[in-house]
Amino acid sequence: MSRPAPIGREIWILISASFVIALGFGIVAPALPLFAREFGVSVTAASAIVSLFALMRLVFAPPAGWLVQRWGERPVYLVGLLIVAVSTAACAFAANYPQLLIFRSIGGIGSTMFTVSALGLLIRVSPPESRGRVAGLYATSFLGGTIGGPLVGSALVGFGLRVPFFIYAVALVIAAFVVFVALKTPAEVAVTSGEEPVTLRLRDAWAMSPYRAALASSFANGWAVFGVRVAVVPLFVVEALNRSAAVTGVVLTVFAVGNALTLFQAGRLSDRRGRKPFLVAGLAVCGVATIAMGLSQNLVVFLVVTFVAGLGSGAINPVQQAAVADIVGSKARGGPVLAAFQMASDVGAVIGPIVAAMLIGVSYGVAFGVTGAILVVAALAWVVVPDTLVRSGNPDADESADAVGRGDGNRTEG
């Protein structure tokens, strides 16, 4: 097997921008609910700002996909960054709660624009033989920003609740300027040489069983990792394990550590051994560990199974992203395909906490059990489909990535 291609400058630019975006998002996270409360609103109203941001991301994912299809990834990425920068700066000047709610919600539109377009850019600039490695690096940089952001944000809050918003806005403008100046995708080169990028339509991607499996795993990952973990784990620690709220931070950090240990390695190894083994194993491990979390009787056991769940989760995100990249291919434009993939995760993140909260009325064991079962079902969905990684002598690749690479009726000229 040939050695992986070196990671180019464009990829490092996107990875660095990802870190800055995640860091800034984490910086404003501690200040946002406190800032809202300064306007005299209830805790529920303060929390609504976070929920509405997520809802706007979900609602505007299809338009973002359409914009990527029409304008291309780079312009949508830049506009998305600038929208979030302007809306974040506006939050710092908000004079009342309705203004803060509106400004933050507009940021959700920009957020989904650069999320969908960033995935498209990564697919375009990543060497096919290194897609998993690139996805792992990208996910690791985002995780690092997510972990470091709240620590920086908590320190900045002491200088005033508006300060974190200014800093995040400035950081986004700098990131947008660097991307504008330094990033030129292969797609742009192709256009200047007279080649038009082909288009992968959503209905054609849906016809491929690996894409449907990717939607299932994205939904399950959003439900469990981005939804239930954040909303239910803190309640379980306080109410079921009788620990202080401070312990919640330790639990979430333990999960993040497990996640970090496998993110890059799973992505890198999937370039050689295929996507399917890591997705099946990651979903199954995370699912079983999540079920065990609800059955834990003491903090030590809960921390151990949380760490194991983090290990499993780390094998999911970068590898499923690489699988979608295999399906779309580096020479195609698939905005709606990528938007639907992102929406599946967002839908899971919105529905998961609601369903889990209702199930808590029965027991925490049932709430975690259902969440874990959804992850296991997603693992089974990957068991029965072909791998997306095209390798010599890999017969499983015929239905998805190999067919896509040949353009067997799955693309139209865009």
Protein backbone atom coordinates (compact mmCIF):
# COMPACT_ATOMS: atom_id res chain seq x y z
CA MET A 1 0.00 0.00 0.00
CA SER A 2 1.30 3.45 -0.92
CA ARG A 3 2.17 5.92 1.80
CA PRO A 4 -0.53 8.48 2.68
CA ALA A 5 -0.25 11.78 0.87
CA PRO A 6 1.06 14.67 2.99
CA ILE A 7 -1.53 16.98 4.47
CA GLY A 8 -1.60 20.19 2.47
CA ARG A 9 -1.74 23.80 3.57
CA GLU A 10 -5.48 24.11 2.81
CA ILE A 11 -6.29 21.31 5.25
CA TRP A 12 -4.23 22.87 8.03
CA ILE A 13 -6.01 26.18 7.45
CA LEU A 14 -9.40 24.50 7.87
CA ILE A 15 -8.21 22.59 10.94
CA SER A 16 -6.89 25.79 12.53
CA ALA A 17 -10.13 27.62 11.75
CA SER A 18 -12.07 24.74 13.31
CA PHE A 19 -10.09 25.11 16.52
CA VAL A 20 -10.68 28.88 16.64
CA ILE A 21 -14.42 28.44 16.00
CA ALA A 22 -14.80 25.78 18.70
CA LEU A 23 -12.64 27.75 21.13
CA GLY A 24 -14.74 30.87 20.61
CA PHE A 25 -18.00 28.96 20.92
CA GLY A 26 -16.76 27.60 24.24
CA ILE A 27 -15.63 31.07 25.34
CA VAL A 28 -19.14 32.53 25.04
CA ALA A 29 -20.86 29.43 26.49
CA PRO A 30 -20.32 30.33 30.19
CA ALA A 31 -21.29 33.98 29.62
CA LEU A 32 -24.42 33.46 27.51
CA PRO A 33 -26.93 32.25 30.14
CA LEU A 34 -25.54 34.64 32.76
CA PHE A 35 -25.81 37.55 30.33
CA ALA A 36 -29.42 36.63 29.56
CA ARG A 37 -30.25 36.48 33.26
CA GLU A 38 -29.00 40.05 33.65
CA PHE A 39 -32.10 41.14 31.72
CA GLY A 40 -34.28 39.71 34.47
CA VAL A 41 -35.57 36.63 32.62
CA SER A 42 -36.15 33.17 34.04
CA VAL A 43 -33.73 30.26 33.82
CA THR A 44 -36.00 28.69 31.20
CA ALA A 45 -35.85 31.83 29.06
CA ALA A 46 -32.07 31.95 29.41
CA SER A 47 -31.83 28.33 28.28
CA ALA A 48 -34.11 29.08 25.32
CA ILE A 49 -31.29 31.05 23.71
CA VAL A 50 -29.24 27.85 23.43
CA SER A 51 -32.21 25.83 22.15
CA LEU A 52 -33.19 28.42 19.54
CA PHE A 53 -29.62 28.56 18.24
CA ALA A 54 -29.77 24.78 17.68
CA LEU A 55 -33.23 25.06 16.09
CA MET A 56 -32.01 27.69 13.64
CA ARG A 57 -29.12 25.43 12.68
CA LEU A 58 -31.59 22.66 11.97
CA VAL A 59 -34.09 24.77 10.03
CA PHE A 60 -31.46 26.44 7.83
CA ALA A 61 -29.44 23.32 7.03
CA PRO A 62 -31.36 22.66 3.75
CA PRO A 63 -30.91 26.26 2.50
CA ALA A 64 -27.23 26.03 3.45
CA GLY A 65 -26.91 22.89 1.34
CA TRP A 66 -28.62 24.62 -1.57
CA LEU A 67 -26.26 27.59 -1.27
CA VAL A 68 -23.23 25.29 -1.31
CA GLN A 69 -24.63 23.64 -4.43
CA ARG A 70 -25.15 27.01 -6.15
CA TRP A 71 -22.23 29.16 -4.91
CA GLY A 72 -19.64 26.60 -3.89
CA GLU A 73 -18.16 25.73 -0.51
CA ARG A 74 -15.66 28.53 0.01
CA PRO A 75 -18.03 31.52 -0.41
CA VAL A 76 -20.67 29.93 1.83
CA TYR A 77 -18.02 29.14 4.45
CA LEU A 78 -16.78 32.74 4.49
CA VAL A 79 -20.27 34.25 4.58
CA GLY A 80 -21.25 31.86 7.38
CA LEU A 81 -18.24 32.88 9.46
CA LEU A 82 -18.96 36.57 8.96
CA ILE A 83 -22.64 36.14 9.87
CA VAL A 84 -21.65 34.50 13.16
CA ALA A 85 -19.03 37.21 13.76
CA VAL A 86 -21.51 40.05 13.22
CA SER A 87 -24.27 38.37 15.25
CA THR A 88 -21.84 37.64 18.10
CA ALA A 89 -20.64 41.25 18.17
CA ALA A 90 -24.27 42.37 18.12
CA CYS A 91 -24.96 40.19 21.18
CA ALA A 92 -22.39 42.25 23.07
CA PHE A 93 -24.44 45.39 22.32
CA ALA A 94 -27.83 43.83 23.10
CA ALA A 95 -29.90 46.20 25.23
CA ASN A 96 -32.60 43.70 26.21
CA TYR A 97 -33.48 40.03 26.13
CA PRO A 98 -35.41 40.01 22.81
CA GLN A 99 -32.43 41.59 21.06
CA LEU A 100 -30.06 39.01 22.54
CA LEU A 101 -32.42 36.22 21.46
CA ILE A 102 -32.62 37.53 17.88
CA PHE A 103 -28.90 38.21 17.49
CA ARG A 104 -27.91 34.79 18.83
CA SER A 105 -30.50 33.06 16.64
CA ILE A 106 -29.08 34.73 13.52
CA GLY A 107 -25.75 33.21 14.53
CA GLY A 108 -27.33 29.78 14.16
CA ILE A 109 -27.89 30.50 10.46
CA GLY A 110 -24.23 31.32 9.92
CA SER A 111 -23.18 28.34 12.02
CA THR A 112 -24.95 25.80 9.84
CA MET A 113 -23.62 27.54 6.71
CA PHE A 114 -19.97 27.12 7.68
CA THR A 115 -20.55 23.65 9.17
CA VAL A 116 -21.99 22.23 5.95
CA SER A 117 -19.53 24.06 3.70
CA ALA A 118 -16.54 23.13 5.90
CA LEU A 119 -17.34 19.44 5.43
CA GLY A 120 -17.57 20.01 1.68
CA LEU A 121 -14.23 21.83 1.66
CA LEU A 122 -12.55 19.06 3.62
CA ILE A 123 -13.84 16.51 1.15
CA ARG A 124 -12.49 18.52 -1.77
CA VAL A 125 -9.01 19.19 -0.41
CA SER A 126 -8.39 15.84 1.33
CA PRO A 127 -6.44 13.18 -0.58
CA PRO A 128 -8.78 10.17 -0.99
CA GLU A 129 -6.26 7.88 0.74
CA SER A 130 -6.11 10.21 3.78
CA ARG A 131 -9.74 11.15 4.33
CA GLY A 132 -10.00 9.38 7.66
CA ARG A 133 -6.76 10.89 8.94
CA VAL A 134 -7.90 14.39 7.95
CA ALA A 135 -11.33 13.88 9.51
CA GLY A 136 -9.63 12.70 12.70
CA LEU A 137 -7.40 15.77 12.85
CA TYR A 138 -10.35 18.06 12.17
CA ALA A 139 -12.48 16.43 14.89
CA THR A 140 -9.56 16.53 17.35
CA SER A 141 -8.99 20.23 16.76
CA PHE A 142 -12.67 20.95 17.32
CA LEU A 143 -12.69 18.88 20.50
CA GLY A 144 -9.61 20.73 21.75
CA GLY A 145 -11.33 24.06 21.21
CA THR A 146 -14.50 22.80 22.86
CA ILE A 147 -12.56 21.75 25.97
CA GLY A 148 -10.38 24.84 26.18
CA GLY A 149 -13.06 27.40 25.33
CA PRO A 150 -15.10 27.21 28.56
CA LEU A 151 -11.91 27.48 30.63
CA VAL A 152 -10.88 30.67 28.83
CA GLY A 153 -14.47 31.95 28.86
CA SER A 154 -14.82 31.44 32.59
CA ALA A 155 -11.71 33.57 33.14
CA LEU A 156 -12.91 36.31 30.77
CA VAL A 157 -16.30 36.58 32.47
CA GLY A 158 -14.51 38.35 35.33
CA PHE A 159 -13.83 41.27 32.96
CA GLY A 160 -17.52 41.61 32.09
CA LEU A 161 -20.15 39.42 30.47
CA ARG A 162 -19.90 41.27 27.14
CA VAL A 163 -16.14 40.75 26.73
CA PRO A 164 -16.26 37.10 25.55
CA PHE A 165 -18.61 38.08 22.70
CA PHE A 166 -16.20 40.76 21.45
CA ILE A 167 -13.25 38.35 21.56
CA TYR A 168 -15.12 35.61 19.69
CA ALA A 169 -16.30 38.07 17.02
CA VAL A 170 -12.75 39.34 16.42
CA ALA A 171 -11.40 35.77 16.27
CA LEU A 172 -14.00 34.83 13.64
CA VAL A 173 -13.15 37.85 11.49
CA ILE A 174 -9.46 36.92 11.62
CA ALA A 175 -10.28 33.30 10.72
CA ALA A 176 -12.43 34.46 7.79
CA PHE A 177 -9.64 36.75 6.53
CA VAL A 178 -7.06 33.94 6.67
CA VAL A 179 -9.38 31.57 4.81
CA PHE A 180 -10.17 34.24 2.20
CA VAL A 181 -6.51 34.97 1.52
CA ALA A 182 -4.91 31.56 1.85
CA LEU A 183 -7.49 28.95 0.88
CA LYS A 184 -7.96 27.97 -2.72
CA THR A 185 -9.69 24.66 -3.33
CA PRO A 186 -9.09 22.19 -6.17
CA ALA A 187 -12.62 22.98 -7.29
CA GLU A 188 -11.61 26.55 -8.08
CA VAL A 189 -8.66 25.31 -10.11
CA ALA A 190 -10.97 23.03 -12.04
CA VAL A 191 -13.36 25.86 -12.82
CA THR A 192 -10.57 28.11 -14.07
CA SER A 193 -9.39 25.33 -16.37
CA GLY A 194 -12.84 25.02 -17.92
CA GLU A 195 -14.07 22.00 -15.98
CA GLU A 196 -17.46 22.18 -14.29
CA PRO A 197 -17.84 20.33 -11.00
CA VAL A 198 -20.36 17.50 -11.10
CA THR A 199 -23.24 17.32 -8.66
CA LEU A 200 -24.28 14.49 -6.36
CA ARG A 201 -28.01 14.76 -5.78
CA LEU A 202 -29.63 13.84 -2.48
CA ARG A 203 -31.90 11.25 -4.07
CA ASP A 204 -28.90 9.54 -5.66
CA ALA A 205 -27.02 9.49 -2.35
CA TRP A 206 -30.13 8.13 -0.60
CA ALA A 207 -30.15 5.24 -3.09
CA MET A 208 -26.78 4.12 -1.65
CA SER A 209 -27.15 1.95 1.44
CA PRO A 210 -23.92 3.26 3.10
CA TYR A 211 -25.31 6.80 2.97
CA ARG A 212 -28.50 5.67 4.68
CA ALA A 213 -26.35 3.96 7.32
CA ALA A 214 -24.36 7.20 7.74
CA LEU A 215 -27.60 9.10 8.36
CA ALA A 216 -28.56 6.52 10.98
CA SER A 217 -25.22 6.74 12.79
CA SER A 218 -25.25 10.55 12.58
CA PHE A 219 -28.73 10.60 14.15
CA ALA A 220 -27.72 8.17 16.89
CA ASN A 221 -24.51 10.09 17.59
CA GLY A 222 -26.40 13.36 17.83
CA TRP A 223 -29.02 11.81 20.11
CA ALA A 224 -26.54 10.22 22.52
CA VAL A 225 -23.40 12.34 22.44
CA PHE A 226 -24.63 15.86 21.68
CA GLY A 227 -28.04 15.50 23.31
CA VAL A 228 -28.43 13.03 26.16
CA ARG A 229 -24.83 13.29 27.39
CA VAL A 230 -25.15 17.04 27.95
CA ALA A 231 -28.75 17.12 29.20
CA VAL A 232 -29.14 13.91 31.24
CA VAL A 233 -25.69 13.04 32.59
CA PRO A 234 -25.57 16.10 34.92
CA LEU A 235 -29.00 15.18 36.32
CA PHE A 236 -27.95 11.57 36.88
CA VAL A 237 -24.77 12.60 38.72
CA VAL A 238 -26.69 14.90 41.09
CA GLU A 239 -29.96 13.03 41.56
CA ALA A 240 -29.03 9.35 41.22
CA LEU A 241 -25.43 9.33 42.45
CA ASN A 242 -26.00 12.07 45.04
CA ARG A 243 -22.94 14.04 44.01
CA SER A 244 -22.41 17.78 43.74
CA ALA A 245 -22.87 19.67 40.49
CA ALA A 246 -19.09 20.20 40.37
CA VAL A 247 -18.61 16.47 39.77
CA THR A 248 -20.53 16.82 36.51
CA GLY A 249 -17.59 18.68 34.99
CA VAL A 250 -15.28 15.81 35.93
CA VAL A 251 -17.61 13.28 34.30
CA LEU A 252 -17.88 15.24 31.06
CA THR A 253 -14.10 15.69 31.01
CA VAL A 254 -13.57 11.94 31.43
CA PHE A 255 -15.81 11.35 28.41
CA ALA A 256 -13.87 13.95 26.42
CA VAL A 257 -10.54 12.31 27.31
CA GLY A 258 -11.77 8.94 26.06
CA ASN A 259 -13.02 10.67 22.94
CA ALA A 260 -9.69 12.37 22.31
CA LEU A 261 -7.74 9.12 22.65
CA THR A 262 -9.52 7.50 19.71
CA LEU A 263 -10.56 10.35 17.39
CA PHE A 264 -7.38 10.64 15.36
CA GLN A 265 -6.30 7.00 15.53
CA ALA A 266 -9.69 5.70 14.38
CA GLY A 267 -9.74 8.11 11.46
CA ARG A 268 -6.19 7.28 10.44
CA LEU A 269 -6.60 3.51 10.68
CA SER A 270 -9.89 3.62 8.77
CA ASP A 271 -7.91 4.76 5.72
CA ARG A 272 -6.22 1.34 5.71
CA ARG A 273 -8.76 -1.04 7.23
CA GLY A 274 -12.04 0.42 6.04
CA ARG A 275 -14.73 2.58 7.60
CA LYS A 276 -17.20 -0.13 8.53
CA PRO A 277 -15.18 -1.97 11.23
CA PHE A 278 -14.62 1.21 13.22
CA LEU A 279 -18.20 2.43 12.87
CA VAL A 280 -19.66 -0.91 13.93
CA ALA A 281 -17.26 -1.21 16.87
CA GLY A 282 -17.54 2.44 17.92
CA LEU A 283 -21.33 2.51 17.85
CA ALA A 284 -21.59 -0.83 19.64
CA VAL A 285 -19.08 0.07 22.37
CA CYS A 286 -20.64 3.48 22.93
CA GLY A 287 -24.11 1.93 22.96
CA VAL A 288 -23.34 -0.83 25.47
CA ALA A 289 -21.40 1.58 27.70
CA THR A 290 -24.31 4.04 27.60
CA ILE A 291 -26.69 1.30 28.76
CA ALA A 292 -24.24 0.50 31.58
CA MET A 293 -24.16 4.16 32.60
CA GLY A 294 -27.82 3.99 33.56
CA LEU A 295 -27.21 0.89 35.66
CA SER A 296 -24.25 2.34 37.57
CA GLN A 297 -24.62 2.37 41.35
CA ASN A 298 -21.56 4.43 42.29
CA LEU A 299 -19.38 7.17 40.88
CA VAL A 300 -16.31 5.01 40.16
CA VAL A 301 -18.27 2.59 37.97
CA PHE A 302 -20.01 5.50 36.26
CA LEU A 303 -16.67 7.16 35.46
CA VAL A 304 -15.27 3.92 34.02
CA VAL A 305 -18.23 3.26 31.71
CA THR A 306 -18.31 6.96 30.76
CA PHE A 307 -14.66 6.72 29.70
CA VAL A 308 -15.43 3.59 27.66
CA ALA A 309 -18.37 5.38 26.03
CA GLY A 310 -15.99 8.19 25.13
CA LEU A 311 -13.61 5.73 23.51
CA GLY A 312 -16.44 4.33 21.39
CA SER A 313 -17.72 7.78 20.49
CA GLY A 314 -14.28 8.83 19.28
CA ALA A 315 -14.41 6.13 16.61
CA ILE A 316 -17.74 7.36 15.24
CA ASN A 317 -17.54 10.99 14.18
CA PRO A 318 -14.37 11.17 12.04
CA VAL A 319 -14.96 7.79 10.42
CA GLN A 320 -18.57 8.46 9.42
CA GLN A 321 -17.42 11.81 8.04
CA ALA A 322 -14.78 9.99 6.00
CA ALA A 323 -17.45 7.55 4.80
CA VAL A 324 -19.62 10.40 3.56
CA ALA A 325 -16.53 11.87 1.88
CA ASP A 326 -16.03 8.53 0.09
CA ILE A 327 -19.61 8.69 -1.15
CA VAL A 328 -19.50 12.30 -2.36
CA GLY A 329 -15.96 12.17 -3.77
CA SER A 330 -13.46 14.99 -4.11
CA LYS A 331 -14.63 16.12 -7.53
CA ALA A 332 -18.33 16.46 -6.79
CA ARG A 333 -20.47 19.12 -5.16
CA GLY A 334 -23.02 17.64 -2.76
CA GLY A 335 -24.44 20.45 -0.65
CA PRO A 336 -27.86 18.89 0.10
CA VAL A 337 -26.20 15.52 0.76
CA LEU A 338 -23.92 17.06 3.38
CA ALA A 339 -26.75 19.19 4.82
CA ALA A 340 -28.93 16.11 5.32
CA PHE A 341 -26.05 14.34 7.05
CA GLN A 342 -25.61 17.31 9.41
CA MET A 343 -29.37 17.57 9.96
CA ALA A 344 -29.57 13.96 11.07
CA SER A 345 -27.21 14.74 13.95
CA ASP A 346 -29.05 17.96 14.85
CA VAL A 347 -32.43 16.20 14.86
CA GLY A 348 -31.03 13.56 17.20
CA ALA A 349 -29.58 16.24 19.47
CA VAL A 350 -32.97 17.99 19.69
CA ILE A 351 -35.18 14.91 20.12
CA GLY A 352 -32.85 12.85 22.33
CA PRO A 353 -32.96 15.02 25.48
CA ILE A 354 -36.74 15.43 25.20
CA VAL A 355 -37.41 11.70 24.98
CA ALA A 356 -34.80 10.91 27.64
CA ALA A 357 -36.35 13.47 30.00
CA MET A 358 -39.73 11.76 29.63
CA LEU A 359 -38.17 8.34 30.21
CA ILE A 360 -36.47 9.54 33.38
CA GLY A 361 -39.97 9.49 34.88
CA VAL A 362 -39.77 5.71 34.58
CA SER A 363 -36.12 5.43 35.56
CA TYR A 364 -32.68 6.63 34.56
CA GLY A 365 -31.90 3.07 33.54
CA VAL A 366 -34.64 3.16 30.91
CA ALA A 367 -33.53 6.59 29.63
CA PHE A 368 -29.92 5.47 29.18
CA GLY A 369 -31.04 2.06 27.95
CA VAL A 370 -33.09 3.48 25.09
CA THR A 371 -30.25 5.82 24.15
CA GLY A 372 -27.76 2.95 24.11
CA ALA A 373 -30.15 0.80 22.08
CA ILE A 374 -30.37 3.47 19.39
CA LEU A 375 -26.57 3.42 19.07
CA VAL A 376 -26.58 -0.39 18.81
CA VAL A 377 -29.27 -0.28 16.10
CA ALA A 378 -27.10 2.18 14.15
CA ALA A 379 -24.19 -0.28 14.49
CA LEU A 380 -26.38 -3.01 13.02
CA ALA A 381 -27.27 -0.70 10.13
CA TRP A 382 -23.57 -0.56 9.23
CA VAL A 383 -23.14 -4.33 9.58
CA VAL A 384 -25.37 -5.03 6.57
CA VAL A 385 -24.00 -2.44 4.12
CA PRO A 386 -20.80 -2.41 2.04
CA ASP A 387 -17.75 -0.46 3.13
CA THR A 388 -17.29 2.90 1.42
CA LEU A 389 -13.50 2.71 1.26
CA VAL A 390 -12.28 1.63 -2.16
CA ARG A 391 -9.38 -0.78 -1.74
CA SER A 392 -7.77 -3.30 -4.00
CA GLY A 393 -9.62 -6.58 -3.69
CA ASN A 394 -12.46 -5.10 -1.65
CA PRO A 395 -15.68 -6.44 -3.19
CA ASP A 396 -17.82 -4.61 -0.64
CA ALA A 397 -17.02 -1.25 -2.23
CA ASP A 398 -18.95 -1.91 -5.44
CA GLU A 399 -22.29 -0.51 -4.33
CA SER A 400 -21.12 2.78 -2.85
CA ALA A 401 -17.78 4.49 -3.22
CA ASP A 402 -16.57 2.52 -6.23
CA ALA A 403 -19.79 3.20 -8.08
CA VAL A 404 -19.68 6.84 -7.11
CA GLY A 405 -16.10 7.12 -8.28
CA ARG A 406 -17.08 5.78 -11.70
CA GLY A 407 -20.14 8.07 -11.86
CA ASP A 408 -22.53 5.17 -12.57
CA GLY A 409 -25.64 7.25 -12.99
CA ASN A 410 -25.33 8.83 -9.57
CA ARG A 411 -24.28 12.26 -10.73
CA THR A 412 -25.50 14.99 -12.99
CA GLU A 413 -23.53 17.79 -14.49
CA GLY A 414 -23.88 20.84 -12.25
